[in-house]
Every structure is written in C-alpha cells, then in structure tokens.
C-alpha cells in the first residue's frame, strides 16, 4: 500500500490518510470524479464559465463507479466519503 494524503479542507477528519493499492491513484481519481459529477457536487456556474470539456469529462467518468474504484484501490466506501467531503 502507498500513502495518499487527500487535501480536502472540509473533510470530517482533516489530515486523514487514505491508503490505496500502488498504481491505483487514477482509479481513485476517476471514482471520486464519478461521485462529484453524478451527485452534482460542483459549482455549475463556475464550471460553466471557467472550464472547457466538462461535458466530455462527465460522460467519461460515468463507468467508473465507486464500487469499481473500491475494487481497484482496496478502499471500499471511503471513496464516496472523500468525494462528498
């Protein structure tokens, strides 16, 4: 396992370390983005005026569910809690 510190200022436990399987950092990112996109945990006005290609990104991350991410990273439901923090 490697140690990945997830910098989430509003996290319930700031400074908490999320241990993931080596080489699975992309899986963690994709699963977290899936939660953020599907639960609309982003500022739509900001995204609309300051980004390009968000619709493509949103479509791309749909197959990468938290369940898939949990299997890839060995972290279970922690992925969802980190995305929601």
PDB file of N, CA and C in Angstrom:
ATOM      1  N   UNK A   1       0.836  -1.179   0.000  1.00  0.00           N
ATOM      2  CA  UNK A   1       0.000   0.000   0.000  1.00  0.00           C
ATOM      3  C   UNK A   1       0.885   1.248   0.000  1.00  0.00           C
ATOM      4  N   UNK A   2       0.380   2.294  -0.623  1.00  0.00           N
ATOM      5  CA  UNK A   2       1.059   3.577  -0.564  1.00  0.00           C
ATOM      6  C   UNK A   2       0.178   4.534   0.214  1.00  0.00           C
ATOM      7  N   UNK A   3       0.757   5.563   0.737  1.00  0.00           N
ATOM      8  CA  UNK A   3       0.006   6.558   1.488  1.00  0.00           C
ATOM      9  C   UNK A   3      -0.313   7.719   0.555  1.00  0.00           C
ATOM     10  N   UNK A   4      -1.580   8.040   0.456  1.00  0.00           N
ATOM     11  CA  UNK A   4      -2.001   9.177  -0.359  1.00  0.00           C
ATOM     12  C   UNK A   4      -2.780  10.115   0.544  1.00  0.00           C
ATOM     13  N   UNK A   5      -2.241  11.283   0.780  1.00  0.00           N
ATOM     14  CA  UNK A   5      -2.943  12.269   1.582  1.00  0.00           C
ATOM     15  C   UNK A   5      -3.854  13.057   0.665  1.00  0.00           C
ATOM     16  N   UNK A   6      -5.122  13.044   0.985  1.00  0.00           N
ATOM     17  CA  UNK A   6      -6.105  13.728   0.161  1.00  0.00           C
ATOM     18  C   UNK A   6      -6.385  15.084   0.786  1.00  0.00           C
ATOM     19  N   UNK A   7      -5.974  16.172   0.123  1.00  0.00           N
ATOM     20  CA  UNK A   7      -6.138  17.511   0.695  1.00  0.00           C
ATOM     21  C   UNK A   7      -7.560  18.033   0.535  1.00  0.00           C
ATOM     22  N   UNK A   8      -8.405  17.729   1.493  1.00  0.00           N
ATOM     23  CA  UNK A   8      -9.794  18.182   1.461  1.00  0.00           C
ATOM     24  C   UNK A   8     -10.029  19.020   2.702  1.00  0.00           C
ATOM     25  N   UNK A   9     -10.022  20.351   2.581  1.00  0.00           N
ATOM     26  CA  UNK A   9     -10.119  21.217   3.760  1.00  0.00           C
ATOM     27  C   UNK A   9     -11.381  21.013   4.576  1.00  0.00           C
ATOM     28  N   UNK A  10     -12.483  20.615   3.935  1.00  0.00           N
ATOM     29  CA  UNK A  10     -13.739  20.439   4.659  1.00  0.00           C
ATOM     30  C   UNK A  10     -13.937  19.006   5.128  1.00  0.00           C
ATOM     31  N   UNK A  11     -12.933  18.164   5.010  1.00  0.00           N
ATOM     32  CA  UNK A  11     -13.073  16.757   5.379  1.00  0.00           C
ATOM     33  C   UNK A  11     -13.443  16.611   6.845  1.00  0.00           C
ATOM     34  N   UNK A  12     -14.227  15.580   7.155  1.00  0.00           N
ATOM     35  CA  UNK A  12     -14.619  15.372   8.542  1.00  0.00           C
ATOM     36  C   UNK A  12     -13.422  15.137   9.456  1.00  0.00           C
ATOM     37  N   UNK A  13     -12.364  14.579   8.903  1.00  0.00           N
ATOM     38  CA  UNK A  13     -11.152  14.315   9.670  1.00  0.00           C
ATOM     39  C   UNK A  13      -9.953  14.854   8.892  1.00  0.00           C
ATOM     40  N   UNK A  14      -9.692  16.164   8.954  1.00  0.00           N
ATOM     41  CA  UNK A  14      -8.585  16.743   8.174  1.00  0.00           C
ATOM     42  C   UNK A  14      -7.270  16.032   8.474  1.00  0.00           C
ATOM     43  N   UNK A  15      -6.503  15.824   7.443  1.00  0.00           N
ATOM     44  CA  UNK A  15      -5.214  15.171   7.591  1.00  0.00           C
ATOM     45  C   UNK A  15      -5.293  13.657   7.582  1.00  0.00           C
ATOM     46  N   UNK A  16      -6.496  13.119   7.447  1.00  0.00           N
ATOM     47  CA  UNK A  16      -6.661  11.662   7.400  1.00  0.00           C
ATOM     48  C   UNK A  16      -5.936  11.121   6.169  1.00  0.00           C
ATOM     49  N   UNK A  17      -5.333   9.978   6.297  1.00  0.00           N
ATOM     50  CA  UNK A  17      -4.570   9.371   5.209  1.00  0.00           C
ATOM     51  C   UNK A  17      -5.394   8.248   4.603  1.00  0.00           C
ATOM     52  N   UNK A  18      -5.475   8.217   3.295  1.00  0.00           N
ATOM     53  CA  UNK A  18      -6.180   7.164   2.576  1.00  0.00           C
ATOM     54  C   UNK A  18      -5.145   6.254   1.938  1.00  0.00           C
ATOM     55  N   UNK A  19      -5.051   5.029   2.418  1.00  0.00           N
ATOM     56  CA  UNK A  19      -4.095   4.078   1.858  1.00  0.00           C
ATOM     57  C   UNK A  19      -4.736   3.375   0.675  1.00  0.00           C
ATOM     58  N   UNK A  20      -4.056   3.404  -0.460  1.00  0.00           N
ATOM     59  CA  UNK A  20      -4.584   2.756  -1.659  1.00  0.00           C
ATOM     60  C   UNK A  20      -3.541   1.799  -2.216  1.00  0.00           C
ATOM     61  N   UNK A  21      -4.009   0.873  -3.033  1.00  0.00           N
ATOM     62  CA  UNK A  21      -3.105  -0.079  -3.669  1.00  0.00           C
ATOM     63  C   UNK A  21      -2.161   0.682  -4.607  1.00  0.00           C
ATOM     64  N   UNK A  22      -0.872   0.348  -4.615  1.00  0.00           N
ATOM     65  CA  UNK A  22       0.065   1.023  -5.519  1.00  0.00           C
ATOM     66  C   UNK A  22      -0.407   0.950  -6.971  1.00  0.00           C
ATOM     67  N   UNK A  23      -0.327   2.076  -7.650  1.00  0.00           N
ATOM     68  CA  UNK A  23      -0.722   2.143  -9.050  1.00  0.00           C
ATOM     69  C   UNK A  23      -2.202   2.370  -9.271  1.00  0.00           C
ATOM     70  N   UNK A  24      -2.965   2.565  -8.195  1.00  0.00           N
ATOM     71  CA  UNK A  24      -4.413   2.729  -8.360  1.00  0.00           C
ATOM     72  C   UNK A  24      -4.869   4.169  -8.145  1.00  0.00           C
ATOM     73  N   UNK A  25      -3.939   5.115  -8.193  1.00  0.00           N
ATOM     74  CA  UNK A  25      -4.307   6.519  -7.966  1.00  0.00           C
ATOM     75  C   UNK A  25      -5.266   7.037  -9.035  1.00  0.00           C
ATOM     76  N   UNK A  26      -5.118   6.598 -10.272  1.00  0.00           N
ATOM     77  CA  UNK A  26      -6.041   7.030 -11.324  1.00  0.00           C
ATOM     78  C   UNK A  26      -7.439   6.473 -11.064  1.00  0.00           C
ATOM     79  N   UNK A  27      -7.521   5.248 -10.581  1.00  0.00           N
ATOM     80  CA  UNK A  27      -8.825   4.654 -10.252  1.00  0.00           C
ATOM     81  C   UNK A  27      -9.507   5.451  -9.146  1.00  0.00           C
ATOM     82  N   UNK A  28      -8.729   5.879  -8.162  1.00  0.00           N
ATOM     83  CA  UNK A  28      -9.286   6.697  -7.086  1.00  0.00           C
ATOM     84  C   UNK A  28      -9.821   8.006  -7.649  1.00  0.00           C
ATOM     85  N   UNK A  29      -9.047   8.659  -8.495  1.00  0.00           N
ATOM     86  CA  UNK A  29      -9.463   9.935  -9.078  1.00  0.00           C
ATOM     87  C   UNK A  29     -10.721   9.776  -9.929  1.00  0.00           C
ATOM     88  N   UNK A  30     -10.783   8.738 -10.744  1.00  0.00           N
ATOM     89  CA  UNK A  30     -11.947   8.520 -11.606  1.00  0.00           C
ATOM     90  C   UNK A  30     -13.205   8.235 -10.786  1.00  0.00           C
ATOM     91  N   UNK A  31     -13.081   7.415  -9.744  1.00  0.00           N
ATOM     92  CA  UNK A  31     -14.237   7.096  -8.912  1.00  0.00           C
ATOM     93  C   UNK A  31     -14.712   8.322  -8.134  1.00  0.00           C
ATOM     94  N   UNK A  32     -13.780   9.129  -7.647  1.00  0.00           N
ATOM     95  CA  UNK A  32     -14.154  10.353  -6.939  1.00  0.00           C
ATOM     96  C   UNK A  32     -14.845  11.311  -7.906  1.00  0.00           C
ATOM     97  N   UNK A  33     -14.304  11.449  -9.116  1.00  0.00           N
ATOM     98  CA  UNK A  33     -14.948  12.321 -10.105  1.00  0.00           C
ATOM     99  C   UNK A  33     -16.341  11.817 -10.456  1.00  0.00           C
ATOM    100  N   UNK A  34     -16.526  10.500 -10.515  1.00  0.00           N
ATOM    101  CA  UNK A  34     -17.849   9.931 -10.786  1.00  0.00           C
ATOM    102  C   UNK A  34     -18.851  10.418  -9.740  1.00  0.00           C
ATOM    103  N   UNK A  35     -18.482  10.339  -8.471  1.00  0.00           N
ATOM    104  CA  UNK A  35     -19.377  10.784  -7.402  1.00  0.00           C
ATOM    105  C   UNK A  35     -19.645  12.281  -7.515  1.00  0.00           C
ATOM    106  N   UNK A  36     -18.605  13.057  -7.734  1.00  0.00           N
ATOM    107  CA  UNK A  36     -18.762  14.511  -7.838  1.00  0.00           C
ATOM    108  C   UNK A  36     -19.701  14.876  -8.983  1.00  0.00           C
ATOM    109  N   UNK A  37     -19.553  14.215 -10.124  1.00  0.00           N
ATOM    110  CA  UNK A  37     -20.384  14.524 -11.290  1.00  0.00           C
ATOM    111  C   UNK A  37     -21.816  14.024 -11.102  1.00  0.00           C
ATOM    112  N   UNK A  38     -21.987  12.763 -10.695  1.00  0.00           N
ATOM    113  CA  UNK A  38     -23.336  12.203 -10.621  1.00  0.00           C
ATOM    114  C   UNK A  38     -24.166  12.813  -9.499  1.00  0.00           C
ATOM    115  N   UNK A  39     -23.509  13.242  -8.408  1.00  0.00           N
ATOM    116  CA  UNK A  39     -24.245  13.868  -7.307  1.00  0.00           C
ATOM    117  C   UNK A  39     -24.244  15.394  -7.407  1.00  0.00           C
ATOM    118  N   UNK A  40     -23.690  15.898  -8.499  1.00  0.00           N
ATOM    119  CA  UNK A  40     -23.631  17.347  -8.752  1.00  0.00           C
ATOM    120  C   UNK A  40     -23.019  18.109  -7.563  1.00  0.00           C
ATOM    121  N   UNK A  41     -21.857  17.635  -7.134  1.00  0.00           N
ATOM    122  CA  UNK A  41     -21.152  18.242  -6.005  1.00  0.00           C
ATOM    123  C   UNK A  41     -20.137  19.289  -6.472  1.00  0.00           C
ATOM    124  N   UNK A  42     -20.467  19.984  -7.526  1.00  0.00           N
ATOM    125  CA  UNK A  42     -19.589  21.006  -8.086  1.00  0.00           C
ATOM    126  C   UNK A  42     -20.405  22.271  -8.310  1.00  0.00           C
ATOM    127  N   UNK A  43     -19.719  23.363  -8.468  1.00  0.00           N
ATOM    128  CA  UNK A  43     -20.365  24.653  -8.712  1.00  0.00           C
ATOM    129  C   UNK A  43     -20.615  24.779 -10.220  1.00  0.00           C
ATOM    130  N   UNK A  44     -21.842  24.544 -10.617  1.00  0.00           N
ATOM    131  CA  UNK A  44     -22.182  24.533 -12.046  1.00  0.00           C
ATOM    132  C   UNK A  44     -21.885  25.865 -12.727  1.00  0.00           C
ATOM    133  N   UNK A  45     -22.125  26.972 -12.030  1.00  0.00           N
ATOM    134  CA  UNK A  45     -21.845  28.286 -12.620  1.00  0.00           C
ATOM    135  C   UNK A  45     -20.354  28.447 -12.877  1.00  0.00           C
ATOM    136  N   UNK A  46     -19.538  28.062 -11.915  1.00  0.00           N
ATOM    137  CA  UNK A  46     -18.090  28.168 -12.080  1.00  0.00           C
ATOM    138  C   UNK A  46     -17.613  27.265 -13.217  1.00  0.00           C
ATOM    139  N   UNK A  47     -18.062  26.016 -13.206  1.00  0.00           N
ATOM    140  CA  UNK A  47     -17.657  25.067 -14.244  1.00  0.00           C
ATOM    141  C   UNK A  47     -18.073  25.587 -15.622  1.00  0.00           C
ATOM    142  N   UNK A  48     -19.287  26.126 -15.708  1.00  0.00           N
ATOM    143  CA  UNK A  48     -19.775  26.629 -16.990  1.00  0.00           C
ATOM    144  C   UNK A  48     -18.984  27.793 -17.540  1.00  0.00           C
ATOM    145  N   UNK A  49     -18.457  28.630 -16.659  1.00  0.00           N
ATOM    146  CA  UNK A  49     -17.757  29.814 -17.147  1.00  0.00           C
ATOM    147  C   UNK A  49     -16.232  29.696 -17.135  1.00  0.00           C
ATOM    148  N   UNK A  50     -15.679  28.674 -16.489  1.00  0.00           N
ATOM    149  CA  UNK A  50     -14.221  28.594 -16.363  1.00  0.00           C
ATOM    150  C   UNK A  50     -13.600  27.304 -16.866  1.00  0.00           C
ATOM    151  N   UNK A  51     -14.378  26.440 -17.479  1.00  0.00           N
ATOM    152  CA  UNK A  51     -13.811  25.182 -17.961  1.00  0.00           C
ATOM    153  C   UNK A  51     -14.200  24.923 -19.402  1.00  0.00           C
ATOM    154  N   UNK A  52     -13.452  24.047 -20.018  1.00  0.00           N
ATOM    155  CA  UNK A  52     -13.735  23.584 -21.373  1.00  0.00           C
ATOM    156  C   UNK A  52     -13.718  22.060 -21.322  1.00  0.00           C
ATOM    157  N   UNK A  53     -14.721  21.427 -21.892  1.00  0.00           N
ATOM    158  CA  UNK A  53     -14.732  19.972 -21.983  1.00  0.00           C
ATOM    159  C   UNK A  53     -15.317  19.249 -20.780  1.00  0.00           C
ATOM    160  N   UNK A  54     -16.020  19.968 -19.907  1.00  0.00           N
ATOM    161  CA  UNK A  54     -16.572  19.320 -18.721  1.00  0.00           C
ATOM    162  C   UNK A  54     -17.604  18.257 -19.101  1.00  0.00           C
ATOM    163  N   UNK A  55     -18.399  18.502 -20.114  1.00  0.00           N
ATOM    164  CA  UNK A  55     -19.406  17.530 -20.527  1.00  0.00           C
ATOM    165  C   UNK A  55     -18.747  16.222 -20.957  1.00  0.00           C
ATOM    166  N   UNK A  56     -17.631  16.330 -21.658  1.00  0.00           N
ATOM    167  CA  UNK A  56     -16.903  15.134 -22.079  1.00  0.00           C
ATOM    168  C   UNK A  56     -16.330  14.403 -20.877  1.00  0.00           C
ATOM    169  N   UNK A  57     -15.779  15.153 -19.933  1.00  0.00           N
ATOM    170  CA  UNK A  57     -15.251  14.540 -18.715  1.00  0.00           C
ATOM    171  C   UNK A  57     -16.359  13.826 -17.951  1.00  0.00           C
ATOM    172  N   UNK A  58     -17.513  14.494 -17.814  1.00  0.00           N
ATOM    173  CA  UNK A  58     -18.642  13.902 -17.090  1.00  0.00           C
ATOM    174  C   UNK A  58     -19.072  12.590 -17.743  1.00  0.00           C
ATOM    175  N   UNK A  59     -19.132  12.559 -19.049  1.00  0.00           N
ATOM    176  CA  UNK A  59     -19.503  11.328 -19.749  1.00  0.00           C
ATOM    177  C   UNK A  59     -18.428  10.260 -19.579  1.00  0.00           C
ATOM    178  N   UNK A  60     -17.170  10.668 -19.584  1.00  0.00           N
ATOM    179  CA  UNK A  60     -16.059   9.720 -19.466  1.00  0.00           C
ATOM    180  C   UNK A  60     -16.038   9.014 -18.116  1.00  0.00           C
ATOM    181  N   UNK A  61     -16.356   9.712 -17.030  1.00  0.00           N
ATOM    182  CA  UNK A  61     -16.234   9.116 -15.701  1.00  0.00           C
ATOM    183  C   UNK A  61     -17.447   8.276 -15.295  1.00  0.00           C
ATOM    184  N   UNK A  62     -18.527   8.299 -16.051  1.00  0.00           N
ATOM    185  CA  UNK A  62     -19.732   7.549 -15.672  1.00  0.00           C
ATOM    186  C   UNK A  62     -19.497   6.053 -15.438  1.00  0.00           C
ATOM    187  N   UNK A  63     -18.688   5.360 -16.242  1.00  0.00           N
ATOM    188  CA  UNK A  63     -18.491   3.924 -15.988  1.00  0.00           C
ATOM    189  C   UNK A  63     -17.655   3.622 -14.735  1.00  0.00           C
ATOM    190  N   UNK A  64     -16.951   4.605 -14.228  1.00  0.00           N
ATOM    191  CA  UNK A  64     -16.018   4.368 -13.116  1.00  0.00           C
ATOM    192  C   UNK A  64     -16.699   4.621 -11.773  1.00  0.00           C
ATOM    193  N   UNK A  65     -17.557   3.692 -11.407  1.00  0.00           N
ATOM    194  CA  UNK A  65     -18.373   3.821 -10.205  1.00  0.00           C
ATOM    195  C   UNK A  65     -17.531   3.663  -8.940  1.00  0.00           C
ATOM    196  N   UNK A  66     -18.054   4.104  -7.801  1.00  0.00           N
ATOM    197  CA  UNK A  66     -17.342   3.880  -6.543  1.00  0.00           C
ATOM    198  C   UNK A  66     -17.090   2.394  -6.278  1.00  0.00           C
ATOM    199  N   UNK A  67     -18.019   1.543  -6.670  1.00  0.00           N
ATOM    200  CA  UNK A  67     -17.794   0.095  -6.484  1.00  0.00           C
ATOM    201  C   UNK A  67     -16.573  -0.360  -7.273  1.00  0.00           C
ATOM    202  N   UNK A  68     -16.461   0.103  -8.519  1.00  0.00           N
ATOM    203  CA  UNK A  68     -15.297  -0.232  -9.337  1.00  0.00           C
ATOM    204  C   UNK A  68     -14.035   0.321  -8.680  1.00  0.00           C
ATOM    205  N   UNK A  69     -14.096   1.576  -8.248  1.00  0.00           N
ATOM    206  CA  UNK A  69     -12.938   2.190  -7.611  1.00  0.00           C
ATOM    207  C   UNK A  69     -12.531   1.471  -6.345  1.00  0.00           C
ATOM    208  N   UNK A  70     -13.507   0.999  -5.576  1.00  0.00           N
ATOM    209  CA  UNK A  70     -13.215   0.265  -4.345  1.00  0.00           C
ATOM    210  C   UNK A  70     -12.445  -1.018  -4.650  1.00  0.00           C
ATOM    211  N   UNK A  71     -12.854  -1.711  -5.696  1.00  0.00           N
ATOM    212  CA  UNK A  71     -12.162  -2.941  -6.081  1.00  0.00           C
ATOM    213  C   UNK A  71     -10.736  -2.653  -6.548  1.00  0.00           C
ATOM    214  N   UNK A  72     -10.568  -1.565  -7.283  1.00  0.00           N
ATOM    215  CA  UNK A  72      -9.243  -1.225  -7.809  1.00  0.00           C
ATOM    216  C   UNK A  72      -8.285  -0.714  -6.732  1.00  0.00           C
ATOM    217  N   UNK A  73      -8.809   0.030  -5.779  1.00  0.00           N
ATOM    218  CA  UNK A  73      -7.953   0.673  -4.772  1.00  0.00           C
ATOM    219  C   UNK A  73      -7.915  -0.051  -3.430  1.00  0.00           C
ATOM    220  N   UNK A  74      -8.849  -0.965  -3.226  1.00  0.00           N
ATOM    221  CA  UNK A  74      -8.995  -1.671  -1.940  1.00  0.00           C
ATOM    222  C   UNK A  74      -9.484  -0.738  -0.834  1.00  0.00           C
ATOM    223  N   UNK A  75     -10.294   0.260  -1.138  1.00  0.00           N
ATOM    224  CA  UNK A  75     -10.719   1.222  -0.124  1.00  0.00           C
ATOM    225  C   UNK A  75     -12.207   1.222   0.191  1.00  0.00           C
ATOM    226  N   UNK A  76     -13.016   0.494  -0.465  1.00  0.00           N
ATOM    227  CA  UNK A  76     -14.434   0.417  -0.125  1.00  0.00           C
ATOM    228  C   UNK A  76     -15.147   1.754  -0.188  1.00  0.00           C
ATOM    229  N   UNK A  77     -16.031   1.957   0.763  1.00  0.00           N
ATOM    230  CA  UNK A  77     -16.895   3.140   0.754  1.00  0.00           C
ATOM    231  C   UNK A  77     -16.170   4.443   1.077  1.00  0.00           C
ATOM    232  N   UNK A  78     -14.901   4.381   1.448  1.00  0.00           N
ATOM    233  CA  UNK A  78     -14.161   5.617   1.735  1.00  0.00           C
ATOM    234  C   UNK A  78     -14.099   6.531   0.532  1.00  0.00           C
ATOM    235  N   UNK A  79     -14.149   5.994  -0.656  1.00  0.00           N
ATOM    236  CA  UNK A  79     -14.105   6.802  -1.868  1.00  0.00           C
ATOM    237  C   UNK A  79     -15.271   7.795  -1.883  1.00  0.00           C
ATOM    238  N   UNK A  80     -16.445   7.317  -1.550  1.00  0.00           N
ATOM    239  CA  UNK A  80     -17.621   8.175  -1.558  1.00  0.00           C
ATOM    240  C   UNK A  80     -17.505   9.265  -0.505  1.00  0.00           C
ATOM    241  N   UNK A  81     -17.051   8.915   0.688  1.00  0.00           N
ATOM    242  CA  UNK A  81     -16.936   9.915   1.746  1.00  0.00           C
ATOM    243  C   UNK A  81     -15.894  10.982   1.405  1.00  0.00           C
ATOM    244  N   UNK A  82     -14.808  10.599   0.735  1.00  0.00           N
ATOM    245  CA  UNK A  82     -13.814  11.591   0.325  1.00  0.00           C
ATOM    246  C   UNK A  82     -14.371  12.507  -0.759  1.00  0.00           C
ATOM    247  N   UNK A  83     -15.150  11.949  -1.676  1.00  0.00           N
ATOM    248  CA  UNK A  83     -15.720  12.776  -2.732  1.00  0.00           C
ATOM    249  C   UNK A  83     -16.728  13.761  -2.171  1.00  0.00           C
ATOM    250  N   UNK A  84     -17.466  13.354  -1.163  1.00  0.00           N
ATOM    251  CA  UNK A  84     -18.503  14.211  -0.583  1.00  0.00           C
ATOM    252  C   UNK A  84     -17.958  15.219   0.414  1.00  0.00           C
ATOM    253  N   UNK A  85     -16.729  15.082   0.830  1.00  0.00           N
ATOM    254  CA  UNK A  85     -16.177  15.978   1.863  1.00  0.00           C
ATOM    255  C   UNK A  85     -15.964  17.379   1.330  1.00  0.00           C
TER     256      UNK A  85
END
